[in-house]
Every structure is written in C-alpha cells, then in structure tokens.
C-alpha atoms as a PDB file:
ATOM      1  CA  UNK A   1     152.504  87.259 177.056  1.00  0.00           C
ATOM      2  CA  UNK A   2     151.621  90.745 178.491  1.00  0.00           C
ATOM      3  CA  UNK A   3     150.679  89.169 181.636  1.00  0.00           C
ATOM      4  CA  UNK A   4     153.884  87.118 181.712  1.00  0.00           C
ATOM      5  CA  UNK A   5     155.953  90.292 181.069  1.00  0.00           C
ATOM      6  CA  UNK A   6     154.080  92.186 183.815  1.00  0.00           C
ATOM      7  CA  UNK A   7     154.792  89.347 186.259  1.00  0.00           C
ATOM      8  CA  UNK A   8     158.423  89.180 185.240  1.00  0.00           C
ATOM      9  CA  UNK A   9     158.614  92.979 185.589  1.00  0.00           C
ATOM     10  CA  UNK A  10     156.813  92.596 189.050  1.00  0.00           C
ATOM     11  CA  UNK A  11     159.202  89.762 190.018  1.00  0.00           C
ATOM     12  CA  UNK A  12     162.360  91.830 188.905  1.00  0.00           C
ATOM     13  CA  UNK A  13     161.079  94.981 190.927  1.00  0.00           C
ATOM     14  CA  UNK A  14     160.631  92.716 193.940  1.00  0.00           C
ATOM     15  CA  UNK A  15     164.007  91.183 193.506  1.00  0.00           C
ATOM     16  CA  UNK A  16     165.636  94.704 192.904  1.00  0.00           C
ATOM     17  CA  UNK A  17     163.962  96.057 196.137  1.00  0.00           C
ATOM     18  CA  UNK A  18     164.992  93.102 198.139  1.00  0.00           C
ATOM     19  CA  UNK A  19     168.784  93.582 196.739  1.00  0.00           C
ATOM     20  CA  UNK A  20     168.417  97.276 197.955  1.00  0.00           C
ATOM     21  CA  UNK A  21     167.096  96.232 201.312  1.00  0.00           C
ATOM     22  CA  UNK A  22     169.976  93.785 201.734  1.00  0.00           C
ATOM     23  CA  UNK A  23     172.500  96.497 200.687  1.00  0.00           C
ATOM     24  CA  UNK A  24     171.109  98.784 203.020  1.00  0.00           C
ATOM     25  CA  UNK A  25     170.855  96.336 206.045  1.00  0.00           C
ATOM     26  CA  UNK A  26     174.526  95.123 205.263  1.00  0.00           C
ATOM     27  CA  UNK A  27     175.650  98.774 205.245  1.00  0.00           C
ATOM     28  CA  UNK A  28     173.800  99.574 208.474  1.00  0.00           C
ATOM     29  CA  UNK A  29     175.326  96.527 210.023  1.00  0.00           C
ATOM     30  CA  UNK A  30     178.775  97.659 208.898  1.00  0.00           C
ATOM     31  CA  UNK A  31     178.215 100.982 210.338  1.00  0.00           C
ATOM     32  CA  UNK A  32     177.206  99.441 213.557  1.00  0.00           C
ATOM     33  CA  UNK A  33     180.006  97.270 213.725  1.00  0.00           C
ATOM     34  CA  UNK A  34     182.573 100.011 212.820  1.00  0.00           C
ATOM     35  CA  UNK A  35     181.057 102.079 215.735  1.00  0.00           C
ATOM     36  CA  UNK A  36     181.285  99.047 218.119  1.00  0.00           C
ATOM     37  CA  UNK A  37     184.893  98.547 217.031  1.00  0.00           C
ATOM     38  CA  UNK A  38     185.651 102.014 217.532  1.00  0.00           C
ATOM     39  CA  UNK A  39     183.992 102.187 220.805  1.00  0.00           C
ATOM     40  CA  UNK A  40     185.929  99.070 221.926  1.00  0.00           C
ATOM     41  CA  UNK A  41     189.016 100.618 220.639  1.00  0.00           C
ATOM     42  CA  UNK A  42     188.468 103.752 222.654  1.00  0.00           C
ATOM     43  CA  UNK A  43     187.587 101.675 225.791  1.00  0.00           C
ATOM     44  CA  UNK A  44     190.794  99.711 225.334  1.00  0.00           C
ATOM     45  CA  UNK A  45     192.870 102.880 224.793  1.00  0.00           C
ATOM     46  CA  UNK A  46     191.436 104.611 227.781  1.00  0.00           C
ATOM     47  CA  UNK A  47     191.923 101.435 229.855  1.00  0.00           C
ATOM     48  CA  UNK A  48     195.547 101.472 228.891  1.00  0.00           C
ATOM     49  CA  UNK A  49     195.835 105.012 229.600  1.00  0.00           C
ATOM     50  CA  UNK A  50     194.272 104.519 232.939  1.00  0.00           C
ATOM     51  CA  UNK A  51     196.562 101.630 233.527  1.00  0.00           C
ATOM     52  CA  UNK A  52     199.501 103.717 232.514  1.00  0.00           C
ATOM     53  CA  UNK A  53     198.445 106.559 234.740  1.00  0.00           C
ATOM     54  CA  UNK A  54     198.144 104.246 237.665  1.00  0.00           C
ATOM     55  CA  UNK A  55     201.442 102.744 237.022  1.00  0.00           C
ATOM     56  CA  UNK A  56     202.984 106.169 236.688  1.00  0.00           C
ATOM     57  CA  UNK A  57     201.242 107.018 240.157  1.00  0.00           C
ATOM     58  CA  UNK A  58     202.517 103.840 241.843  1.00  0.00           C
ATOM     59  CA  UNK A  59     206.168 104.644 240.448  1.00  0.00           C
ATOM     60  CA  UNK A  60     205.888 108.145 241.674  1.00  0.00           C
ATOM     61  CA  UNK A  61     204.721 106.874 245.189  1.00  0.00           C
ATOM     62  CA  UNK A  62     207.533 104.278 245.244  1.00  0.00           C
ATOM     63  CA  UNK A  63     209.965 107.065 244.422  1.00  0.00           C
ATOM     64  CA  UNK A  64     208.778 109.267 247.069  1.00  0.00           C
ATOM     65  CA  UNK A  65     208.942 106.241 249.655  1.00  0.00           C
ATOM     66  CA  UNK A  66     212.628 105.520 248.550  1.00  0.00           C
ATOM     67  CA  UNK A  67     213.433 109.211 248.920  1.00  0.00           C
ATOM     68  CA  UNK A  68     212.007 109.219 252.536  1.00  0.00           C
ATOM     69  CA  UNK A  69     213.760 106.037 253.727  1.00  0.00           C
ATOM     70  CA  UNK A  70     216.864 107.209 252.220  1.00  0.00           C
ATOM     71  CA  UNK A  71     216.599 110.478 253.991  1.00  0.00           C
ATOM     72  CA  UNK A  72     215.716 108.396 257.219  1.00  0.00           C
ATOM     73  CA  UNK A  73     218.701 106.226 256.717  1.00  0.00           C
ATOM     74  CA  UNK A  74     220.956 109.275 256.338  1.00  0.00           C
ATOM     75  CA  UNK A  75     219.620 110.735 259.517  1.00  0.00           C
ATOM     76  CA  UNK A  76     220.079 107.493 261.281  1.00  0.00           C
ATOM     77  CA  UNK A  77     223.704 107.392 260.216  1.00  0.00           C
ATOM     78  CA  UNK A  78     224.238 111.174 261.094  1.00  0.00           C
ATOM     79  CA  UNK A  79     222.758 110.202 264.601  1.00  0.00           C
ATOM     80  CA  UNK A  80     225.084 107.333 264.943  1.00  0.00           C
ATOM     81  CA  UNK A  81     227.989 109.413 264.070  1.00  0.00           C
ATOM     82  CA  UNK A  82     226.979 111.879 266.562  1.00  0.00           C
ATOM     83  CA  UNK A  83     226.752 109.240 269.146  1.00  0.00           C
ATOM     84  CA  UNK A  84     229.947 107.811 268.204  1.00  0.00           C
ATOM     85  CA  UNK A  85     231.417 111.359 268.760  1.00  0.00           C
ATOM     86  CA  UNK A  86     229.812 111.724 271.840  1.00  0.00           C
ATOM     87  CA  UNK A  87     230.986 108.302 273.193  1.00  0.00           C
ATOM     88  CA  UNK A  88     234.577 109.192 272.014  1.00  0.00           C
ATOM     89  CA  UNK A  89     234.461 112.501 274.004  1.00  0.00           C
ATOM     90  CA  UNK A  90     232.840 110.793 276.991  1.00  0.00           C
ATOM     91  CA  UNK A  91     235.697 108.202 276.962  1.00  0.00           C
ATOM     92  CA  UNK A  92     238.136 111.139 276.715  1.00  0.00           C
ATOM     93  CA  UNK A  93     236.479 112.928 279.584  1.00  0.00           C
ATOM     94  CA  UNK A  94     236.550 109.761 281.789  1.00  0.00           C
ATOM     95  CA  UNK A  95     240.204 109.196 280.813  1.00  0.00           C
ATOM     96  CA  UNK A  96     240.928 112.798 282.006  1.00  0.00           C
ATOM     97  CA  UNK A  97     238.906 112.551 285.065  1.00  0.00           C
ATOM     98  CA  UNK A  98     240.756 109.262 285.872  1.00  0.00           C
ATOM     99  CA  UNK A  99     244.125 110.721 285.411  1.00  0.00           C
ATOM    100  CA  UNK A 100     243.031 113.717 287.462  1.00  0.00           C
ATOM    101  CA  UNK A 101     241.910 111.588 290.173  1.00  0.00           C
ATOM    102  CA  UNK A 102     245.026 109.438 290.130  1.00  0.00           C
ATOM    103  CA  UNK A 103     247.097 112.699 290.269  1.00  0.00           C
ATOM    104  CA  UNK A 104     245.070 113.718 293.250  1.00  0.00           C
ATOM    105  CA  UNK A 105     245.612 110.458 294.820  1.00  0.00           C
ATOM    106  CA  UNK A 106     249.283 110.615 294.365  1.00  0.00           C
ATOM    107  CA  UNK A 107     249.509 114.117 295.655  1.00  0.00           C
ATOM    108  CA  UNK A 108     247.530 112.797 298.719  1.00  0.00           C
ATOM    109  CA  UNK A 109     249.961 109.956 299.143  1.00  0.00           C
ATOM    110  CA  UNK A 110     252.820 112.416 298.906  1.00  0.00           C
ATOM    111  CA  UNK A 111     251.274 114.900 301.416  1.00  0.00           C
ATOM    112  CA  UNK A 112     250.591 111.873 303.667  1.00  0.00           C
ATOM    113  CA  UNK A 113     254.529 110.787 303.382  1.00  0.00           C
ATOM    114  CA  UNK A 114     255.603 114.364 304.079  1.00  0.00           C
ATOM    115  CA  UNK A 115     253.518 114.456 307.142  1.00  0.00           C
ATOM    116  CA  UNK A 116     254.798 111.210 308.313  1.00  0.00           C
ATOM    117  CA  UNK A 117     258.381 112.117 307.937  1.00  0.00           C
ATOM    118  CA  UNK A 118     257.930 115.545 309.423  1.00  0.00           C
ATOM    119  CA  UNK A 119     256.319 113.964 312.491  1.00  0.00           C
ATOM    120  CA  UNK A 120     258.999 111.226 312.699  1.00  0.00           C
END
C-alpha cells in the first residue's frame, strides 16, 4: 500500500510538472504570438504611414506641377495679349502710313496738274 501510495504520489508529481510545463509553454507561445502580432501591427502601421507620406508627396508634386502649368498658361496668355496689341498697333501704323502715302500721292498729282496748267 505504501508502494502504491508512493507510485501514485510520483505519478501525481509527474502529472503536476507536466501541467506546469504545458502552462509555461502556452504562456511563452502566447507571449511570442503577441509579440509577433505587435510587430506585424507596427509593420502594417509604418507601411500605411509610408504609403500616406508617399501619397502626400505625390499630391504636393502634382500641386506644384499644376501651379507651374497655370503660371505658364498665364504667361502665354499675357504674351498672346501683347502680340495682339502689337498687331493692332502695327495695323494702325500701316493704316496711317497708307493714308500718308495716299496724301503724298494726291499732293504729287495736284502738283503735276498745277504744272500742266501753268505750262499750258
């Protein structure tokens, strides 16, 4: 009976040690899983932050490009307006020159007529 009790006690101790080891193993695994999950979460977060930062940079770059093309468009518009103004003044000058030439031509004709009438 003593032998039996001793073997039962030994079996109980063995079982209790095994249970403790199981608990320890499970706790360690849970700790590792939690750490892995935390790492994964941090990686996901930093990836999202990186993506967000990249998108922000892209948006900034697009805004800058848009501003530059708007500035170019405004400059082109200003040049076109200046060219139109120049063309308008050139037309005015041409008209003035034409009218002066016509006046000179008329005066020359008149002078010619006067000479002819004097010579007649």
